[in-house]
């Protein structure tokens, strides 16, 4: 029977598939670390209190990249090039979601609108990350090789999501509510399409590595498309609601060390 648990177990059991999985994950986390570091450096003075939290967010992402690299190293494996069609962060940027890298490379302060866009984009993508890590914790939280890493990353993603909720609500009260609502909707509808395309690409690569029968690949592709249909029909709304989180000031301290390997 096909399940998220059985599929991830196949990936963990295969050096080549695990190598690709960790390489894709590490690359995305490193990119997120760079983006947050640049945004923290360019925060406008009016929102200067956000800079330490954005810095912490970036430090967490960098830590996650090191964790995935460490999992590879423990197996005696090296990172492999990430196929462009599986690069989630790059494809989101090409879709016009979030802040353009060209803007982040300039040494010009961002505006408040830019921070609203950044936090709205983060609220959507962190929902995806938190959901994925929650699923992995349920099935592999006690796994002797990857369990500790998964639990640490999952806790961080929950913190990131809480921070996005709290800060967006604060900005909404400050007069940005209409922009936040519009931007969240645009980000969510773009993200679900990118996630579908990346998922199909990753499954295609994994299918080749793991030599899946054509029927199995077809069933998995059908499941990915069905998820997109559900999200397009209304499932995307879970990514745009805002509520005050239980974890307040979730990024108010320094990042924890990646002492899991």
Protein backbone atom coordinates (compact mmCIF):
# COMPACT_ATOMS: atom_id res chain seq x y z
CA UNK A 1 0.00 0.00 0.00
CA UNK A 2 1.28 3.46 -0.92
CA UNK A 3 1.58 5.86 2.00
CA UNK A 4 3.71 8.82 3.01
CA UNK A 5 5.48 6.56 5.50
CA UNK A 6 6.31 3.84 2.98
CA UNK A 7 7.51 6.35 0.39
CA UNK A 8 9.80 8.17 2.78
CA UNK A 9 11.10 4.84 4.07
CA UNK A 10 12.10 3.94 0.51
CA UNK A 11 13.97 7.23 0.24
CA UNK A 12 15.76 6.75 3.57
CA UNK A 13 16.72 3.18 2.66
CA UNK A 14 18.36 4.21 -0.64
CA UNK A 15 21.65 6.13 -0.51
CA UNK A 16 21.06 7.71 -3.92
CA UNK A 17 17.49 8.78 -3.16
CA UNK A 18 18.45 10.02 0.32
CA UNK A 19 21.32 11.96 -1.22
CA UNK A 20 18.97 13.72 -3.63
CA UNK A 21 16.34 14.38 -0.94
CA UNK A 22 18.82 15.91 1.51
CA UNK A 23 20.52 17.92 -1.24
CA UNK A 24 17.22 19.47 -2.35
CA UNK A 25 16.26 20.21 1.25
CA UNK A 26 19.66 21.68 2.19
CA UNK A 27 19.70 23.91 -0.88
CA UNK A 28 16.25 25.31 -0.13
CA UNK A 29 17.10 25.98 3.50
CA UNK A 30 20.36 27.70 2.59
CA UNK A 31 18.51 29.92 0.13
CA UNK A 32 16.00 30.80 2.83
CA UNK A 33 18.84 31.66 5.18
CA UNK A 34 20.37 34.05 2.65
CA UNK A 35 17.03 35.73 1.91
CA UNK A 36 16.25 36.33 5.58
CA UNK A 37 19.74 37.64 6.29
CA UNK A 38 19.44 40.17 3.46
CA UNK A 39 15.95 41.24 4.55
CA UNK A 40 17.15 41.69 8.15
CA UNK A 41 19.97 43.93 6.90
CA UNK A 42 17.54 46.07 4.88
CA UNK A 43 14.62 46.42 7.31
CA UNK A 44 13.28 50.01 7.33
CA UNK A 45 13.87 51.99 10.54
CA UNK A 46 10.12 52.08 11.25
CA UNK A 47 10.17 48.28 11.67
CA UNK A 48 13.62 47.94 13.16
CA UNK A 49 12.31 45.79 16.02
CA UNK A 50 11.73 43.02 13.45
CA UNK A 51 15.39 42.79 12.39
CA UNK A 52 16.52 40.46 15.22
CA UNK A 53 13.58 38.13 14.57
CA UNK A 54 14.24 38.01 10.84
CA UNK A 55 17.91 37.34 11.61
CA UNK A 56 16.88 34.49 13.90
CA UNK A 57 14.63 33.11 11.16
CA UNK A 58 17.56 33.12 8.73
CA UNK A 59 19.85 31.50 11.29
CA UNK A 60 17.33 28.70 11.76
CA UNK A 61 17.17 28.12 8.01
CA UNK A 62 20.97 28.00 7.79
CA UNK A 63 20.96 25.52 10.67
CA UNK A 64 18.49 23.29 8.84
CA UNK A 65 20.75 23.30 5.80
CA UNK A 66 23.66 22.19 7.99
CA UNK A 67 21.50 19.46 9.50
CA UNK A 68 20.68 17.98 6.10
CA UNK A 69 24.34 18.24 5.07
CA UNK A 70 25.25 16.49 8.33
CA UNK A 71 22.84 13.63 7.62
CA UNK A 72 24.60 13.14 4.29
CA UNK A 73 28.03 13.27 5.88
CA UNK A 74 27.07 10.61 8.44
CA UNK A 75 26.42 8.25 5.54
CA UNK A 76 29.61 9.21 3.77
CA UNK A 77 27.64 11.01 1.05
CA UNK A 78 28.17 14.41 -0.56
CA UNK A 79 25.51 16.87 -1.77
CA UNK A 80 24.51 16.53 -5.43
CA UNK A 81 23.34 19.28 -7.82
CA UNK A 82 19.69 20.18 -7.38
CA UNK A 83 17.63 19.75 -10.58
CA UNK A 84 16.20 23.19 -11.43
CA UNK A 85 12.66 21.83 -11.72
CA UNK A 86 12.83 20.74 -8.06
CA UNK A 87 14.06 24.11 -6.75
CA UNK A 88 11.01 25.33 -4.79
CA UNK A 89 12.46 28.68 -3.69
CA UNK A 90 13.75 29.58 -7.16
CA UNK A 91 10.44 28.71 -8.80
CA UNK A 92 8.52 30.77 -6.24
CA UNK A 93 10.70 33.77 -7.03
CA UNK A 94 10.15 33.27 -10.77
CA UNK A 95 6.41 33.26 -10.07
CA UNK A 96 6.77 36.73 -8.55
CA UNK A 97 6.18 35.57 -4.99
CA UNK A 98 8.11 37.22 -2.18
CA UNK A 99 10.87 39.77 -2.63
CA UNK A 100 12.97 39.56 -5.78
CA UNK A 101 16.58 38.59 -5.25
CA UNK A 102 17.64 41.51 -7.42
CA UNK A 103 16.10 43.86 -4.86
CA UNK A 104 17.69 42.01 -1.95
CA UNK A 105 21.15 42.31 -3.51
CA UNK A 106 20.94 46.10 -3.48
CA UNK A 107 22.06 48.03 -0.41
CA UNK A 108 18.84 50.03 -0.33
CA UNK A 109 16.47 49.95 2.66
CA UNK A 110 13.21 48.12 2.10
CA UNK A 111 9.85 49.78 2.67
CA UNK A 112 7.07 48.71 4.99
CA UNK A 113 5.20 47.29 2.00
CA UNK A 114 8.19 45.03 1.27
CA UNK A 115 8.09 43.67 4.81
CA UNK A 116 4.37 42.99 4.49
CA UNK A 117 5.09 41.06 1.27
CA UNK A 118 7.94 39.14 2.94
CA UNK A 119 5.86 38.15 5.96
CA UNK A 120 2.85 37.19 3.82
CA UNK A 121 5.04 35.00 1.62
CA UNK A 122 6.61 33.47 4.72
CA UNK A 123 3.21 32.80 6.32
CA UNK A 124 2.22 30.73 3.26
CA UNK A 125 5.48 28.83 2.78
CA UNK A 126 5.95 28.21 6.51
CA UNK A 127 2.49 26.63 6.60
CA UNK A 128 3.64 24.20 3.94
CA UNK A 129 6.88 23.50 5.79
CA UNK A 130 5.14 23.04 9.14
CA UNK A 131 2.59 20.64 7.61
CA UNK A 132 5.31 18.57 5.95
CA UNK A 133 7.45 18.37 9.07
CA UNK A 134 4.44 17.48 11.21
CA UNK A 135 3.77 14.55 8.88
CA UNK A 136 7.40 13.42 9.07
CA UNK A 137 7.41 13.67 12.87
CA UNK A 138 4.31 11.48 13.07
CA UNK A 139 5.91 8.76 10.97
CA UNK A 140 9.66 9.16 11.60
CA UNK A 141 10.05 11.18 14.80
CA UNK A 142 11.55 8.15 16.53
CA UNK A 143 13.69 7.00 13.60
CA UNK A 144 17.26 6.34 14.85
CA UNK A 145 18.93 8.10 11.92
CA UNK A 146 16.69 11.06 11.07
CA UNK A 147 14.23 11.35 13.98
CA UNK A 148 16.09 13.89 16.11
CA UNK A 149 16.79 16.13 13.12
CA UNK A 150 13.15 16.00 12.02
CA UNK A 151 11.89 16.91 15.48
CA UNK A 152 14.22 19.89 15.77
CA UNK A 153 13.34 21.24 12.33
CA UNK A 154 9.63 20.72 12.97
CA UNK A 155 9.80 22.73 16.20
CA UNK A 156 11.58 25.54 14.37
CA UNK A 157 8.98 25.57 11.59
CA UNK A 158 6.21 25.86 14.17
CA UNK A 159 8.06 28.84 15.65
CA UNK A 160 8.41 30.45 12.23
CA UNK A 161 4.70 30.03 11.52
CA UNK A 162 3.75 31.50 14.91
CA UNK A 163 6.03 34.48 14.29
CA UNK A 164 4.41 35.15 10.91
CA UNK A 165 0.91 35.09 12.42
CA UNK A 166 1.85 37.41 15.27
CA UNK A 167 3.72 39.96 13.16
CA UNK A 168 1.13 40.05 10.37
CA UNK A 169 -1.63 40.66 12.90
CA UNK A 170 0.42 43.50 14.36
CA UNK A 171 0.90 45.02 10.91
CA UNK A 172 -2.79 44.56 10.13
CA UNK A 173 -3.65 46.61 13.22
CA UNK A 174 -1.19 49.24 12.02
CA UNK A 175 -3.19 49.77 8.82
CA UNK A 176 -1.89 47.11 6.41
CA UNK A 177 -4.85 44.72 6.66
CA UNK A 178 -6.07 45.14 3.07
CA UNK A 179 -2.60 44.66 1.59
CA UNK A 180 -2.01 41.62 3.80
CA UNK A 181 -5.27 39.96 2.72
CA UNK A 182 -4.54 40.53 -0.97
CA UNK A 183 -0.91 39.45 -0.76
CA UNK A 184 -1.70 36.31 1.23
CA UNK A 185 -4.24 35.22 -1.37
CA UNK A 186 -1.85 35.87 -4.28
CA UNK A 187 0.97 34.00 -2.52
CA UNK A 188 -1.19 31.01 -1.62
CA UNK A 189 -2.60 30.53 -5.12
CA UNK A 190 0.87 30.76 -6.65
CA UNK A 191 2.44 28.50 -4.02
CA UNK A 192 0.03 25.61 -4.50
CA UNK A 193 0.85 25.52 -8.23
CA UNK A 194 4.60 25.65 -7.60
CA UNK A 195 4.30 22.96 -4.93
CA UNK A 196 2.41 20.73 -7.37
CA UNK A 197 5.05 21.18 -10.07
CA UNK A 198 7.97 20.63 -7.69
CA UNK A 199 6.30 17.57 -6.16
CA UNK A 200 5.78 16.04 -9.60
CA UNK A 201 9.41 16.74 -10.52
CA UNK A 202 10.76 15.27 -7.27
CA UNK A 203 8.61 12.16 -7.65
CA UNK A 204 9.80 11.72 -11.22
CA UNK A 205 13.44 11.85 -10.13
CA UNK A 206 12.82 9.53 -7.18
CA UNK A 207 10.96 7.13 -9.45
CA UNK A 208 13.97 6.83 -11.71
CA UNK A 209 16.37 6.39 -8.79
CA UNK A 210 14.17 3.82 -7.04
CA UNK A 211 13.05 2.15 -10.28
CA UNK A 212 9.35 2.50 -9.56
CA UNK A 213 6.98 0.75 -11.96
CA UNK A 214 5.14 3.05 -14.32
CA UNK A 215 1.83 2.29 -12.57
CA UNK A 216 3.21 3.36 -9.19
CA UNK A 217 4.53 6.61 -10.60
CA UNK A 218 1.18 7.27 -12.25
CA UNK A 219 -0.69 6.73 -8.97
CA UNK A 220 1.64 9.10 -7.12
CA UNK A 221 1.35 11.75 -9.83
CA UNK A 222 -2.42 11.39 -9.66
CA UNK A 223 -2.33 11.93 -5.92
CA UNK A 224 -0.25 15.09 -6.30
CA UNK A 225 -2.67 16.48 -8.88
CA UNK A 226 -5.63 15.57 -6.68
CA UNK A 227 -4.09 17.48 -3.78
CA UNK A 228 -3.66 20.49 -6.04
CA UNK A 229 -7.29 20.26 -7.15
CA UNK A 230 -8.38 20.21 -3.49
CA UNK A 231 -6.17 23.16 -2.63
CA UNK A 232 -7.26 25.13 -5.69
CA UNK A 233 -10.92 24.52 -4.81
CA UNK A 234 -10.53 25.97 -1.33
CA UNK A 235 -7.81 24.15 0.61
CA UNK A 236 -5.52 27.16 0.04
CA UNK A 237 -7.56 29.13 2.57
CA UNK A 238 -5.78 27.42 5.48
CA UNK A 239 -2.66 29.28 4.32
CA UNK A 240 -4.17 32.76 4.56
CA UNK A 241 -6.08 32.82 7.85
CA UNK A 242 -4.46 34.67 10.75
CA UNK A 243 -4.91 33.98 14.44
CA UNK A 244 -2.90 34.90 17.50
CA UNK A 245 -0.56 31.92 18.17
CA UNK A 246 0.01 30.20 21.47
CA UNK A 247 3.76 30.70 20.99
CA UNK A 248 4.20 34.46 21.39
CA UNK A 249 7.53 36.08 20.51
CA UNK A 250 8.59 32.71 19.08
CA UNK A 251 11.71 34.16 17.45
CA UNK A 252 12.63 36.47 20.29
CA UNK A 253 15.82 34.63 21.27
CA UNK A 254 18.94 33.22 19.63
CA UNK A 255 18.79 30.21 17.32
CA UNK A 256 19.52 26.84 18.91
CA UNK A 257 22.67 25.03 17.83
CA UNK A 258 22.33 22.14 15.42
CA UNK A 259 23.49 19.59 17.99
CA UNK A 260 21.51 16.68 16.60
CA UNK A 261 24.11 14.65 14.68
